[in-house]
């Protein structure tokens, strides 16, 4: 039975959601000569991340579907002034009749919008709403693609899937799974060469800023390297991997005490499972599993189960059965389905 989105998106349970949207009939509408549409989506994602109170934690744009990991930040939206809300809405939906390069006309338009508090409140609600985020992402691409193909009709399947991510290990596994989609599909040899993925965005940005040595230092536990990478990610449109706020960092990240360097090591290790079915467990990767409170065997089992599924059916993903039971109790049901069956040692 299909659940209403308001039941699936419960911020008291989690702010993290894995969203999957497929092209109609699973056709390769972003592939087979139309790969430039993936760049359209990536560019649109950056615009939305800069304007919505929804952080983009990971993404991969495939030929016939899209994976997206987001975090909903309602407290961020609550801090915006009314004027900032209107300007952010303009950044997402600029009126066709308004010259956005004319600062005076924009100021006049913003002033006019501010005279209607109810409209501003509506904009604020929409800018923290997952449904509106997905609509603002997919609808412009569908219009551009239909115009390019000289046709009308549906580009995306009518309903996107959202999976609530309930714990840190599930969060990392989801992020890695999304970044490794091209490798698992055989369209990329390594994670860093996977086009239109968040991991490529992160690596390219670090390379552009000359921070590749700091990545290696952070992966080996260097506090200085971790701090340098954390500050680097604070300036990027993607949500930082490491949450450094308790150490004075300027921006909320995903996981406290887990650097981008460590994440890249973990993804590289996991990618070798995709390509070869086995991977050498280095001391650094073993340390990562220890910090996560898991083991290599559990990580590999869960990841293989993710990769073996042609479609993720559950609406929740957790590595802890007790957490799933709490969700079921909250919803007043006997149990809820996990995206993958829990692995045990």
C-alpha atoms as a PDB file:
ATOM      1  CA  UNK A   1       0.000   0.000   0.000  1.00  0.00           C
ATOM      2  CA  UNK A   2       1.380   3.406  -0.997  1.00  0.00           C
ATOM      3  CA  UNK A   3       1.864   5.758   1.935  1.00  0.00           C
ATOM      4  CA  UNK A   4       1.217   9.484   1.832  1.00  0.00           C
ATOM      5  CA  UNK A   5       4.423  11.535   1.692  1.00  0.00           C
ATOM      6  CA  UNK A   6       3.564  13.271   4.969  1.00  0.00           C
ATOM      7  CA  UNK A   7       3.746   9.850   6.675  1.00  0.00           C
ATOM      8  CA  UNK A   8       7.047   8.971   5.033  1.00  0.00           C
ATOM      9  CA  UNK A   9       8.785  12.270   5.811  1.00  0.00           C
ATOM     10  CA  UNK A  10       8.845  12.572   9.598  1.00  0.00           C
ATOM     11  CA  UNK A  11      11.517  14.977  10.828  1.00  0.00           C
ATOM     12  CA  UNK A  12      11.184  13.712  14.385  1.00  0.00           C
ATOM     13  CA  UNK A  13      12.521  10.371  13.135  1.00  0.00           C
ATOM     14  CA  UNK A  14      15.234  11.650  10.799  1.00  0.00           C
ATOM     15  CA  UNK A  15      16.148  14.575   8.591  1.00  0.00           C
ATOM     16  CA  UNK A  16      17.931  12.351   6.021  1.00  0.00           C
ATOM     17  CA  UNK A  17      16.127  10.867   2.993  1.00  0.00           C
ATOM     18  CA  UNK A  18      17.278   8.842  -0.001  1.00  0.00           C
ATOM     19  CA  UNK A  19      15.161   9.839  -3.003  1.00  0.00           C
ATOM     20  CA  UNK A  20      14.977   7.848  -6.226  1.00  0.00           C
ATOM     21  CA  UNK A  21      13.231   9.064  -9.362  1.00  0.00           C
ATOM     22  CA  UNK A  22      13.044   7.103 -12.592  1.00  0.00           C
ATOM     23  CA  UNK A  23      12.442   8.157 -16.166  1.00  0.00           C
ATOM     24  CA  UNK A  24       9.071   7.058 -17.533  1.00  0.00           C
ATOM     25  CA  UNK A  25       9.108   3.402 -18.603  1.00  0.00           C
ATOM     26  CA  UNK A  26      12.716   3.394 -17.322  1.00  0.00           C
ATOM     27  CA  UNK A  27      13.756   4.652 -20.749  1.00  0.00           C
ATOM     28  CA  UNK A  28      17.292   5.997 -21.174  1.00  0.00           C
ATOM     29  CA  UNK A  29      16.072   9.582 -21.503  1.00  0.00           C
ATOM     30  CA  UNK A  30      19.298  10.932 -19.947  1.00  0.00           C
ATOM     31  CA  UNK A  31      21.555   8.587 -21.914  1.00  0.00           C
ATOM     32  CA  UNK A  32      22.054   7.337 -25.474  1.00  0.00           C
ATOM     33  CA  UNK A  33      23.038  10.701 -26.904  1.00  0.00           C
ATOM     34  CA  UNK A  34      21.325  12.795 -24.227  1.00  0.00           C
ATOM     35  CA  UNK A  35      24.063  12.747 -21.580  1.00  0.00           C
ATOM     36  CA  UNK A  36      24.067  16.565 -21.476  1.00  0.00           C
ATOM     37  CA  UNK A  37      20.767  16.313 -19.582  1.00  0.00           C
ATOM     38  CA  UNK A  38      22.720  14.910 -16.641  1.00  0.00           C
ATOM     39  CA  UNK A  39      24.683  18.165 -16.528  1.00  0.00           C
ATOM     40  CA  UNK A  40      21.369  20.075 -16.528  1.00  0.00           C
ATOM     41  CA  UNK A  41      20.287  18.136 -13.451  1.00  0.00           C
ATOM     42  CA  UNK A  42      23.620  18.644 -11.700  1.00  0.00           C
ATOM     43  CA  UNK A  43      23.510  22.406 -12.347  1.00  0.00           C
ATOM     44  CA  UNK A  44      19.922  22.602 -11.134  1.00  0.00           C
ATOM     45  CA  UNK A  45      20.832  20.666  -7.967  1.00  0.00           C
ATOM     46  CA  UNK A  46      23.450  23.282  -7.124  1.00  0.00           C
ATOM     47  CA  UNK A  47      20.926  26.101  -7.538  1.00  0.00           C
ATOM     48  CA  UNK A  48      18.417  24.342  -5.292  1.00  0.00           C
ATOM     49  CA  UNK A  49      21.031  23.493  -2.638  1.00  0.00           C
ATOM     50  CA  UNK A  50      21.963  27.168  -2.442  1.00  0.00           C
ATOM     51  CA  UNK A  51      18.354  28.318  -1.996  1.00  0.00           C
ATOM     52  CA  UNK A  52      16.366  25.586  -0.214  1.00  0.00           C
ATOM     53  CA  UNK A  53      16.691  24.677   3.465  1.00  0.00           C
ATOM     54  CA  UNK A  54      17.543  21.207   2.169  1.00  0.00           C
ATOM     55  CA  UNK A  55      21.170  20.086   2.003  1.00  0.00           C
ATOM     56  CA  UNK A  56      22.334  17.811  -0.807  1.00  0.00           C
ATOM     57  CA  UNK A  57      24.498  15.091   0.767  1.00  0.00           C
ATOM     58  CA  UNK A  58      24.953  12.848  -2.248  1.00  0.00           C
ATOM     59  CA  UNK A  59      23.724  12.263  -5.782  1.00  0.00           C
ATOM     60  CA  UNK A  60      24.265  10.245  -8.934  1.00  0.00           C
ATOM     61  CA  UNK A  61      22.558  10.908 -12.238  1.00  0.00           C
ATOM     62  CA  UNK A  62      22.192   7.734 -14.290  1.00  0.00           C
ATOM     63  CA  UNK A  63      20.841   7.174 -17.814  1.00  0.00           C
ATOM     64  CA  UNK A  64      17.315   6.367 -16.682  1.00  0.00           C
ATOM     65  CA  UNK A  65      17.109   7.332 -13.016  1.00  0.00           C
ATOM     66  CA  UNK A  66      18.356   9.691 -10.343  1.00  0.00           C
ATOM     67  CA  UNK A  67      19.600   9.009  -6.800  1.00  0.00           C
ATOM     68  CA  UNK A  68      19.637  11.798  -4.261  1.00  0.00           C
ATOM     69  CA  UNK A  69      20.496  11.913  -0.555  1.00  0.00           C
ATOM     70  CA  UNK A  70      19.214  15.017   1.217  1.00  0.00           C
ATOM     71  CA  UNK A  71      18.907  16.456   4.698  1.00  0.00           C
ATOM     72  CA  UNK A  72      15.944  18.681   5.551  1.00  0.00           C
ATOM     73  CA  UNK A  73      16.899  21.667   7.736  1.00  0.00           C
ATOM     74  CA  UNK A  74      13.732  23.425   8.991  1.00  0.00           C
ATOM     75  CA  UNK A  75      15.664  25.401  11.628  1.00  0.00           C
ATOM     76  CA  UNK A  76      17.670  27.003   8.835  1.00  0.00           C
ATOM     77  CA  UNK A  77      14.491  28.174   7.118  1.00  0.00           C
ATOM     78  CA  UNK A  78      13.157  29.528  10.418  1.00  0.00           C
ATOM     79  CA  UNK A  79      16.214  31.812  10.747  1.00  0.00           C
ATOM     80  CA  UNK A  80      15.753  33.473   7.358  1.00  0.00           C
ATOM     81  CA  UNK A  81      14.356  36.993   7.228  1.00  0.00           C
ATOM     82  CA  UNK A  82      11.261  37.536   5.068  1.00  0.00           C
ATOM     83  CA  UNK A  83      13.384  39.316   2.478  1.00  0.00           C
ATOM     84  CA  UNK A  84      15.831  36.407   2.322  1.00  0.00           C
ATOM     85  CA  UNK A  85      12.922  34.000   1.826  1.00  0.00           C
ATOM     86  CA  UNK A  86      11.639  36.024  -1.149  1.00  0.00           C
ATOM     87  CA  UNK A  87      15.110  36.329  -2.693  1.00  0.00           C
ATOM     88  CA  UNK A  88      15.710  32.591  -2.319  1.00  0.00           C
ATOM     89  CA  UNK A  89      12.366  31.847  -3.964  1.00  0.00           C
ATOM     90  CA  UNK A  90      13.374  34.158  -6.819  1.00  0.00           C
ATOM     91  CA  UNK A  91      16.590  32.164  -7.138  1.00  0.00           C
ATOM     92  CA  UNK A  92      14.536  29.021  -7.729  1.00  0.00           C
ATOM     93  CA  UNK A  93      11.638  30.456  -9.723  1.00  0.00           C
ATOM     94  CA  UNK A  94      12.642  33.780 -11.342  1.00  0.00           C
ATOM     95  CA  UNK A  95       9.625  35.359 -13.149  1.00  0.00           C
ATOM     96  CA  UNK A  96      10.035  35.399 -16.917  1.00  0.00           C
ATOM     97  CA  UNK A  97       9.081  39.072 -17.041  1.00  0.00           C
ATOM     98  CA  UNK A  98      11.669  40.151 -14.457  1.00  0.00           C
ATOM     99  CA  UNK A  99      15.202  41.081 -15.518  1.00  0.00           C
ATOM    100  CA  UNK A 100      17.220  39.437 -12.726  1.00  0.00           C
ATOM    101  CA  UNK A 101      20.296  41.444 -13.778  1.00  0.00           C
ATOM    102  CA  UNK A 102      18.557  44.735 -12.959  1.00  0.00           C
ATOM    103  CA  UNK A 103      19.102  45.180  -9.205  1.00  0.00           C
ATOM    104  CA  UNK A 104      16.584  48.005  -8.909  1.00  0.00           C
ATOM    105  CA  UNK A 105      13.789  46.020 -10.560  1.00  0.00           C
ATOM    106  CA  UNK A 106      14.590  43.040  -8.328  1.00  0.00           C
ATOM    107  CA  UNK A 107      14.422  45.244  -5.223  1.00  0.00           C
ATOM    108  CA  UNK A 108      11.055  46.577  -6.317  1.00  0.00           C
ATOM    109  CA  UNK A 109       9.757  43.068  -6.928  1.00  0.00           C
ATOM    110  CA  UNK A 110      10.995  41.864  -3.526  1.00  0.00           C
ATOM    111  CA  UNK A 111       9.384  44.885  -1.819  1.00  0.00           C
ATOM    112  CA  UNK A 112       6.083  44.092  -3.546  1.00  0.00           C
ATOM    113  CA  UNK A 113       6.204  40.432  -2.425  1.00  0.00           C
ATOM    114  CA  UNK A 114       6.940  41.460   1.168  1.00  0.00           C
ATOM    115  CA  UNK A 115       3.598  43.222   1.347  1.00  0.00           C
ATOM    116  CA  UNK A 116       1.889  39.822   1.440  1.00  0.00           C
ATOM    117  CA  UNK A 117       2.998  37.963   4.633  1.00  0.00           C
ATOM    118  CA  UNK A 118       0.905  34.897   3.795  1.00  0.00           C
ATOM    119  CA  UNK A 119       2.670  34.504   0.461  1.00  0.00           C
ATOM    120  CA  UNK A 120       6.058  34.849   2.155  1.00  0.00           C
ATOM    121  CA  UNK A 121       5.020  32.179   4.695  1.00  0.00           C
ATOM    122  CA  UNK A 122       4.045  29.903   1.801  1.00  0.00           C
ATOM    123  CA  UNK A 123       7.446  30.411   0.186  1.00  0.00           C
ATOM    124  CA  UNK A 124       9.183  29.619   3.504  1.00  0.00           C
ATOM    125  CA  UNK A 125       7.210  26.366   3.860  1.00  0.00           C
ATOM    126  CA  UNK A 126       7.950  25.321   0.288  1.00  0.00           C
ATOM    127  CA  UNK A 127      11.675  26.009   0.633  1.00  0.00           C
ATOM    128  CA  UNK A 128      11.909  23.356   3.342  1.00  0.00           C
ATOM    129  CA  UNK A 129       9.555  20.839   1.727  1.00  0.00           C
ATOM    130  CA  UNK A 130      10.997  17.717   0.096  1.00  0.00           C
ATOM    131  CA  UNK A 131       8.149  17.458  -2.406  1.00  0.00           C
ATOM    132  CA  UNK A 132       8.724  21.000  -3.624  1.00  0.00           C
ATOM    133  CA  UNK A 133      12.468  20.353  -3.821  1.00  0.00           C
ATOM    134  CA  UNK A 134      11.934  17.338  -6.094  1.00  0.00           C
ATOM    135  CA  UNK A 135       9.382  19.228  -8.177  1.00  0.00           C
ATOM    136  CA  UNK A 136      11.772  22.179  -8.593  1.00  0.00           C
ATOM    137  CA  UNK A 137      14.521  19.755  -9.635  1.00  0.00           C
ATOM    138  CA  UNK A 138      12.670  17.554 -12.099  1.00  0.00           C
ATOM    139  CA  UNK A 139      10.064  19.764 -13.752  1.00  0.00           C
ATOM    140  CA  UNK A 140      12.497  22.183 -15.506  1.00  0.00           C
ATOM    141  CA  UNK A 141      14.481  19.267 -16.951  1.00  0.00           C
ATOM    142  CA  UNK A 142      11.295  17.628 -18.236  1.00  0.00           C
ATOM    143  CA  UNK A 143      10.323  20.856 -20.002  1.00  0.00           C
ATOM    144  CA  UNK A 144      13.789  21.289 -21.531  1.00  0.00           C
ATOM    145  CA  UNK A 145      13.923  17.655 -22.681  1.00  0.00           C
ATOM    146  CA  UNK A 146      10.447  17.779 -24.240  1.00  0.00           C
ATOM    147  CA  UNK A 147      11.348  20.987 -26.040  1.00  0.00           C
ATOM    148  CA  UNK A 148      14.560  19.400 -27.297  1.00  0.00           C
ATOM    149  CA  UNK A 149      12.679  16.282 -28.463  1.00  0.00           C
ATOM    150  CA  UNK A 150       9.793  18.301 -29.963  1.00  0.00           C
ATOM    151  CA  UNK A 151       7.275  16.302 -27.982  1.00  0.00           C
ATOM    152  CA  UNK A 152       4.842  16.463 -25.093  1.00  0.00           C
ATOM    153  CA  UNK A 153       4.186  14.072 -22.244  1.00  0.00           C
ATOM    154  CA  UNK A 154       5.683  12.722 -19.047  1.00  0.00           C
ATOM    155  CA  UNK A 155       9.451  12.542 -18.609  1.00  0.00           C
ATOM    156  CA  UNK A 156       9.614  11.199 -15.028  1.00  0.00           C
ATOM    157  CA  UNK A 157       7.528   8.547 -13.336  1.00  0.00           C
ATOM    158  CA  UNK A 158       4.746  10.242 -11.414  1.00  0.00           C
ATOM    159  CA  UNK A 159       5.970   9.451  -7.906  1.00  0.00           C
ATOM    160  CA  UNK A 160       9.508   9.455  -6.572  1.00  0.00           C
ATOM    161  CA  UNK A 161      10.552   7.035  -3.833  1.00  0.00           C
ATOM    162  CA  UNK A 162      11.885   8.318  -0.508  1.00  0.00           C
ATOM    163  CA  UNK A 163      13.644   6.151   2.065  1.00  0.00           C
ATOM    164  CA  UNK A 164      14.144   7.482   5.598  1.00  0.00           C
ATOM    165  CA  UNK A 165      17.740   6.931   6.750  1.00  0.00           C
ATOM    166  CA  UNK A 166      17.687   6.162  10.463  1.00  0.00           C
ATOM    167  CA  UNK A 167      21.276   5.806  11.702  1.00  0.00           C
ATOM    168  CA  UNK A 168      24.860   6.828  10.896  1.00  0.00           C
ATOM    169  CA  UNK A 169      25.992   3.526   9.374  1.00  0.00           C
ATOM    170  CA  UNK A 170      22.906   3.444   7.165  1.00  0.00           C
ATOM    171  CA  UNK A 171      23.677   7.053   6.207  1.00  0.00           C
ATOM    172  CA  UNK A 172      27.238   6.187   5.142  1.00  0.00           C
ATOM    173  CA  UNK A 173      26.107   3.045   3.323  1.00  0.00           C
ATOM    174  CA  UNK A 174      23.470   5.032   1.422  1.00  0.00           C
ATOM    175  CA  UNK A 175      25.954   7.752   0.509  1.00  0.00           C
ATOM    176  CA  UNK A 176      28.478   5.164  -0.736  1.00  0.00           C
ATOM    177  CA  UNK A 177      25.777   3.214  -2.590  1.00  0.00           C
ATOM    178  CA  UNK A 178      24.691   6.374  -4.418  1.00  0.00           C
ATOM    179  CA  UNK A 179      28.257   7.382  -5.298  1.00  0.00           C
ATOM    180  CA  UNK A 180      29.073   3.870  -6.508  1.00  0.00           C
ATOM    181  CA  UNK A 181      26.037   3.457  -8.766  1.00  0.00           C
ATOM    182  CA  UNK A 182      28.042   4.103 -11.976  1.00  0.00           C
ATOM    183  CA  UNK A 183      30.796   1.680 -10.856  1.00  0.00           C
ATOM    184  CA  UNK A 184      28.270  -1.014  -9.962  1.00  0.00           C
ATOM    185  CA  UNK A 185      26.516  -0.479 -13.309  1.00  0.00           C
ATOM    186  CA  UNK A 186      29.831  -0.887 -15.157  1.00  0.00           C
ATOM    187  CA  UNK A 187      29.790   2.592 -16.715  1.00  0.00           C
ATOM    188  CA  UNK A 188      32.757   3.878 -14.663  1.00  0.00           C
ATOM    189  CA  UNK A 189      36.001   2.183 -13.657  1.00  0.00           C
ATOM    190  CA  UNK A 190      36.579   4.037 -10.381  1.00  0.00           C
ATOM    191  CA  UNK A 191      34.512   6.281  -8.089  1.00  0.00           C
ATOM    192  CA  UNK A 192      36.469   9.450  -8.886  1.00  0.00           C
ATOM    193  CA  UNK A 193      35.909   8.976 -12.629  1.00  0.00           C
ATOM    194  CA  UNK A 194      32.145   8.522 -12.227  1.00  0.00           C
ATOM    195  CA  UNK A 195      30.560  11.408 -14.091  1.00  0.00           C
ATOM    196  CA  UNK A 196      27.685  13.331 -12.480  1.00  0.00           C
ATOM    197  CA  UNK A 197      28.157  12.015  -8.959  1.00  0.00           C
ATOM    198  CA  UNK A 198      28.732  13.741  -5.638  1.00  0.00           C
ATOM    199  CA  UNK A 199      32.018  11.923  -5.043  1.00  0.00           C
ATOM    200  CA  UNK A 200      33.452  13.288  -8.273  1.00  0.00           C
ATOM    201  CA  UNK A 201      32.250  16.768  -7.283  1.00  0.00           C
ATOM    202  CA  UNK A 202      34.034  16.497  -3.932  1.00  0.00           C
ATOM    203  CA  UNK A 203      37.309  15.172  -5.371  1.00  0.00           C
ATOM    204  CA  UNK A 204      37.393  17.696  -8.226  1.00  0.00           C
ATOM    205  CA  UNK A 205      36.754  20.561  -5.825  1.00  0.00           C
ATOM    206  CA  UNK A 206      39.544  19.399  -3.505  1.00  0.00           C
ATOM    207  CA  UNK A 207      41.907  19.063  -6.483  1.00  0.00           C
ATOM    208  CA  UNK A 208      40.921  22.501  -7.778  1.00  0.00           C
ATOM    209  CA  UNK A 209      41.741  24.033  -4.368  1.00  0.00           C
ATOM    210  CA  UNK A 210      45.022  22.115  -4.032  1.00  0.00           C
ATOM    211  CA  UNK A 211      43.807  20.101  -1.024  1.00  0.00           C
ATOM    212  CA  UNK A 212      44.504  16.550  -2.176  1.00  0.00           C
ATOM    213  CA  UNK A 213      47.420  16.159   0.321  1.00  0.00           C
ATOM    214  CA  UNK A 214      45.089  17.256   3.138  1.00  0.00           C
ATOM    215  CA  UNK A 215      42.631  14.538   2.080  1.00  0.00           C
ATOM    216  CA  UNK A 216      45.306  11.896   2.594  1.00  0.00           C
ATOM    217  CA  UNK A 217      46.293  13.393   5.954  1.00  0.00           C
ATOM    218  CA  UNK A 218      42.663  13.447   7.104  1.00  0.00           C
ATOM    219  CA  UNK A 219      42.213   9.811   6.068  1.00  0.00           C
ATOM    220  CA  UNK A 220      45.159   8.871   8.302  1.00  0.00           C
ATOM    221  CA  UNK A 221      43.677  10.649  11.297  1.00  0.00           C
ATOM    222  CA  UNK A 222      45.450  14.008  11.076  1.00  0.00           C
ATOM    223  CA  UNK A 223      43.469  16.646  12.962  1.00  0.00           C
ATOM    224  CA  UNK A 224      45.025  19.416  10.846  1.00  0.00           C
ATOM    225  CA  UNK A 225      44.140  17.604   7.627  1.00  0.00           C
ATOM    226  CA  UNK A 226      40.588  16.974   8.800  1.00  0.00           C
ATOM    227  CA  UNK A 227      40.172  20.634   9.734  1.00  0.00           C
ATOM    228  CA  UNK A 228      41.563  21.825   6.393  1.00  0.00           C
ATOM    229  CA  UNK A 229      39.186  19.593   4.451  1.00  0.00           C
ATOM    230  CA  UNK A 230      36.273  20.541   6.693  1.00  0.00           C
ATOM    231  CA  UNK A 231      36.826  24.225   5.970  1.00  0.00           C
ATOM    232  CA  UNK A 232      37.167  23.422   2.275  1.00  0.00           C
ATOM    233  CA  UNK A 233      33.838  21.594   2.217  1.00  0.00           C
ATOM    234  CA  UNK A 234      32.166  24.452   4.089  1.00  0.00           C
ATOM    235  CA  UNK A 235      32.564  26.525   0.905  1.00  0.00           C
ATOM    236  CA  UNK A 236      31.168  23.855  -1.411  1.00  0.00           C
ATOM    237  CA  UNK A 237      27.500  23.523  -2.327  1.00  0.00           C
ATOM    238  CA  UNK A 238      27.354  19.868  -1.242  1.00  0.00           C
ATOM    239  CA  UNK A 239      26.779  19.105   2.433  1.00  0.00           C
ATOM    240  CA  UNK A 240      30.157  18.460   4.152  1.00  0.00           C
ATOM    241  CA  UNK A 241      30.867  14.867   5.131  1.00  0.00           C
ATOM    242  CA  UNK A 242      32.346  15.819   8.516  1.00  0.00           C
ATOM    243  CA  UNK A 243      30.406  17.841  11.063  1.00  0.00           C
ATOM    244  CA  UNK A 244      32.967  20.156  12.701  1.00  0.00           C
ATOM    245  CA  UNK A 245      30.597  22.516  14.515  1.00  0.00           C
ATOM    246  CA  UNK A 246      31.719  21.385  17.980  1.00  0.00           C
ATOM    247  CA  UNK A 247      35.276  22.334  16.977  1.00  0.00           C
ATOM    248  CA  UNK A 248      34.211  25.730  15.673  1.00  0.00           C
ATOM    249  CA  UNK A 249      33.331  24.710  12.114  1.00  0.00           C
ATOM    250  CA  UNK A 250      31.018  27.134  10.291  1.00  0.00           C
ATOM    251  CA  UNK A 251      28.582  24.631   8.783  1.00  0.00           C
ATOM    252  CA  UNK A 252      26.692  21.484   9.729  1.00  0.00           C
ATOM    253  CA  UNK A 253      28.100  18.334   8.201  1.00  0.00           C
ATOM    254  CA  UNK A 254      26.800  14.778   8.097  1.00  0.00           C
ATOM    255  CA  UNK A 255      28.840  12.819  10.670  1.00  0.00           C
ATOM    256  CA  UNK A 256      30.913  14.098  13.559  1.00  0.00           C
ATOM    257  CA  UNK A 257      34.501  12.846  13.614  1.00  0.00           C
ATOM    258  CA  UNK A 258      34.379  11.284  10.151  1.00  0.00           C
ATOM    259  CA  UNK A 259      36.418  13.165   7.545  1.00  0.00           C
ATOM    260  CA  UNK A 260      36.042  13.340   3.785  1.00  0.00           C
ATOM    261  CA  UNK A 261      39.391  11.546   3.528  1.00  0.00           C
ATOM    262  CA  UNK A 262      38.024   8.624   5.553  1.00  0.00           C
ATOM    263  CA  UNK A 263      34.890   8.554   3.409  1.00  0.00           C
ATOM    264  CA  UNK A 264      36.955   8.385   0.215  1.00  0.00           C
ATOM    265  CA  UNK A 265      38.974   5.491   1.665  1.00  0.00           C
ATOM    266  CA  UNK A 266      35.757   3.652   2.565  1.00  0.00           C
ATOM    267  CA  UNK A 267      34.241   4.227  -0.895  1.00  0.00           C
ATOM    268  CA  UNK A 268      37.455   3.108  -2.618  1.00  0.00           C
ATOM    269  CA  UNK A 269      37.478  -0.084  -0.552  1.00  0.00           C
ATOM    270  CA  UNK A 270      33.792  -0.723  -1.302  1.00  0.00           C
ATOM    271  CA  UNK A 271      34.245  -0.001  -5.007  1.00  0.00           C
ATOM    272  CA  UNK A 272      36.721  -2.860  -5.222  1.00  0.00           C
ATOM    273  CA  UNK A 273      33.986  -5.154  -3.943  1.00  0.00           C
ATOM    274  CA  UNK A 274      31.834  -3.979  -6.852  1.00  0.00           C
ATOM    275  CA  UNK A 275      34.571  -4.506  -9.419  1.00  0.00           C
ATOM    276  CA  UNK A 276      36.366  -7.592  -8.113  1.00  0.00           C
ATOM    277  CA  UNK A 277      34.152  -9.097  -5.436  1.00  0.00           C
ATOM    278  CA  UNK A 278      36.944  -8.728  -2.887  1.00  0.00           C
ATOM    279  CA  UNK A 279      39.215  -6.011  -1.523  1.00  0.00           C
ATOM    280  CA  UNK A 280      42.276  -5.810   0.697  1.00  0.00           C
ATOM    281  CA  UNK A 281      41.447  -4.508   4.164  1.00  0.00           C
ATOM    282  CA  UNK A 282      44.040  -1.865   4.993  1.00  0.00           C
ATOM    283  CA  UNK A 283      44.766  -0.715   8.535  1.00  0.00           C
ATOM    284  CA  UNK A 284      43.092   2.626   7.805  1.00  0.00           C
ATOM    285  CA  UNK A 285      39.868   0.978   6.570  1.00  0.00           C
ATOM    286  CA  UNK A 286      39.832  -1.402   9.540  1.00  0.00           C
ATOM    287  CA  UNK A 287      40.083   1.651  11.799  1.00  0.00           C
ATOM    288  CA  UNK A 288      37.094   3.194  10.008  1.00  0.00           C
ATOM    289  CA  UNK A 289      34.971   0.113  10.732  1.00  0.00           C
ATOM    290  CA  UNK A 290      36.064   0.241  14.376  1.00  0.00           C
ATOM    291  CA  UNK A 291      35.032   3.887  14.649  1.00  0.00           C
ATOM    292  CA  UNK A 292      31.649   3.077  13.103  1.00  0.00           C
ATOM    293  CA  UNK A 293      31.120   0.244  15.570  1.00  0.00           C
ATOM    294  CA  UNK A 294      30.736  -2.320  12.795  1.00  0.00           C
ATOM    295  CA  UNK A 295      32.861  -4.933  11.047  1.00  0.00           C
ATOM    296  CA  UNK A 296      34.103  -5.567   7.552  1.00  0.00           C
ATOM    297  CA  UNK A 297      31.811  -8.607   7.266  1.00  0.00           C
ATOM    298  CA  UNK A 298      28.672  -6.667   8.213  1.00  0.00           C
ATOM    299  CA  UNK A 299      29.540  -3.769   5.901  1.00  0.00           C
ATOM    300  CA  UNK A 300      30.158  -6.100   2.956  1.00  0.00           C
ATOM    301  CA  UNK A 301      26.994  -8.115   3.599  1.00  0.00           C
ATOM    302  CA  UNK A 302      24.829  -5.023   3.744  1.00  0.00           C
ATOM    303  CA  UNK A 303      26.416  -3.485   0.693  1.00  0.00           C
ATOM    304  CA  UNK A 304      26.036  -6.645  -1.371  1.00  0.00           C
ATOM    305  CA  UNK A 305      22.360  -6.739  -0.411  1.00  0.00           C
ATOM    306  CA  UNK A 306      21.982  -3.129  -1.558  1.00  0.00           C
ATOM    307  CA  UNK A 307      23.667  -3.874  -4.890  1.00  0.00           C
ATOM    308  CA  UNK A 308      21.771  -7.111  -5.494  1.00  0.00           C
ATOM    309  CA  UNK A 309      18.395  -5.403  -5.278  1.00  0.00           C
ATOM    310  CA  UNK A 310      17.011  -4.138  -8.584  1.00  0.00           C
ATOM    311  CA  UNK A 311      14.613  -1.984  -6.576  1.00  0.00           C
ATOM    312  CA  UNK A 312      14.728  -0.851  -2.942  1.00  0.00           C
ATOM    313  CA  UNK A 313      11.291  -1.690  -1.583  1.00  0.00           C
ATOM    314  CA  UNK A 314      11.319  -0.551   2.045  1.00  0.00           C
ATOM    315  CA  UNK A 315      10.565   3.014   3.148  1.00  0.00           C
ATOM    316  CA  UNK A 316      13.200   2.928   5.911  1.00  0.00           C
ATOM    317  CA  UNK A 317      16.859   1.977   6.128  1.00  0.00           C
ATOM    318  CA  UNK A 318      18.476   1.147   9.464  1.00  0.00           C
ATOM    319  CA  UNK A 319      21.266  -1.137  10.644  1.00  0.00           C
ATOM    320  CA  UNK A 320      19.615  -1.468  14.058  1.00  0.00           C
ATOM    321  CA  UNK A 321      16.476  -3.592  14.469  1.00  0.00           C
ATOM    322  CA  UNK A 322      15.500  -1.719  17.643  1.00  0.00           C
ATOM    323  CA  UNK A 323      15.393   1.535  15.694  1.00  0.00           C
ATOM    324  CA  UNK A 324      13.017   0.001  13.170  1.00  0.00           C
ATOM    325  CA  UNK A 325      10.778  -1.261  15.940  1.00  0.00           C
ATOM    326  CA  UNK A 326      10.572   2.237  17.440  1.00  0.00           C
ATOM    327  CA  UNK A 327       9.465   3.533  14.049  1.00  0.00           C
ATOM    328  CA  UNK A 328       6.776   0.840  13.857  1.00  0.00           C
ATOM    329  CA  UNK A 329       5.542   1.710  17.348  1.00  0.00           C
ATOM    330  CA  UNK A 330       5.406   5.386  16.438  1.00  0.00           C
ATOM    331  CA  UNK A 331       3.337   4.576  13.355  1.00  0.00           C
ATOM    332  CA  UNK A 332       1.072   2.194  15.252  1.00  0.00           C
ATOM    333  CA  UNK A 333       1.921  -0.847  13.138  1.00  0.00           C
ATOM    334  CA  UNK A 334       3.437  -4.254  13.889  1.00  0.00           C
ATOM    335  CA  UNK A 335       6.577  -3.681  11.809  1.00  0.00           C
ATOM    336  CA  UNK A 336       8.032  -1.574   9.014  1.00  0.00           C
ATOM    337  CA  UNK A 337      10.030  -2.873   6.054  1.00  0.00           C
ATOM    338  CA  UNK A 338      13.744  -2.187   5.923  1.00  0.00           C
ATOM    339  CA  UNK A 339      15.349  -1.238   2.591  1.00  0.00           C
ATOM    340  CA  UNK A 340      17.599  -4.273   3.041  1.00  0.00           C
ATOM    341  CA  UNK A 341      17.351  -7.270   5.355  1.00  0.00           C
ATOM    342  CA  UNK A 342      19.485  -6.729   8.446  1.00  0.00           C
ATOM    343  CA  UNK A 343      22.765  -8.602   8.311  1.00  0.00           C
ATOM    344  CA  UNK A 344      24.034 -10.412  11.393  1.00  0.00           C
ATOM    345  CA  UNK A 345      27.435 -11.698  12.352  1.00  0.00           C
END
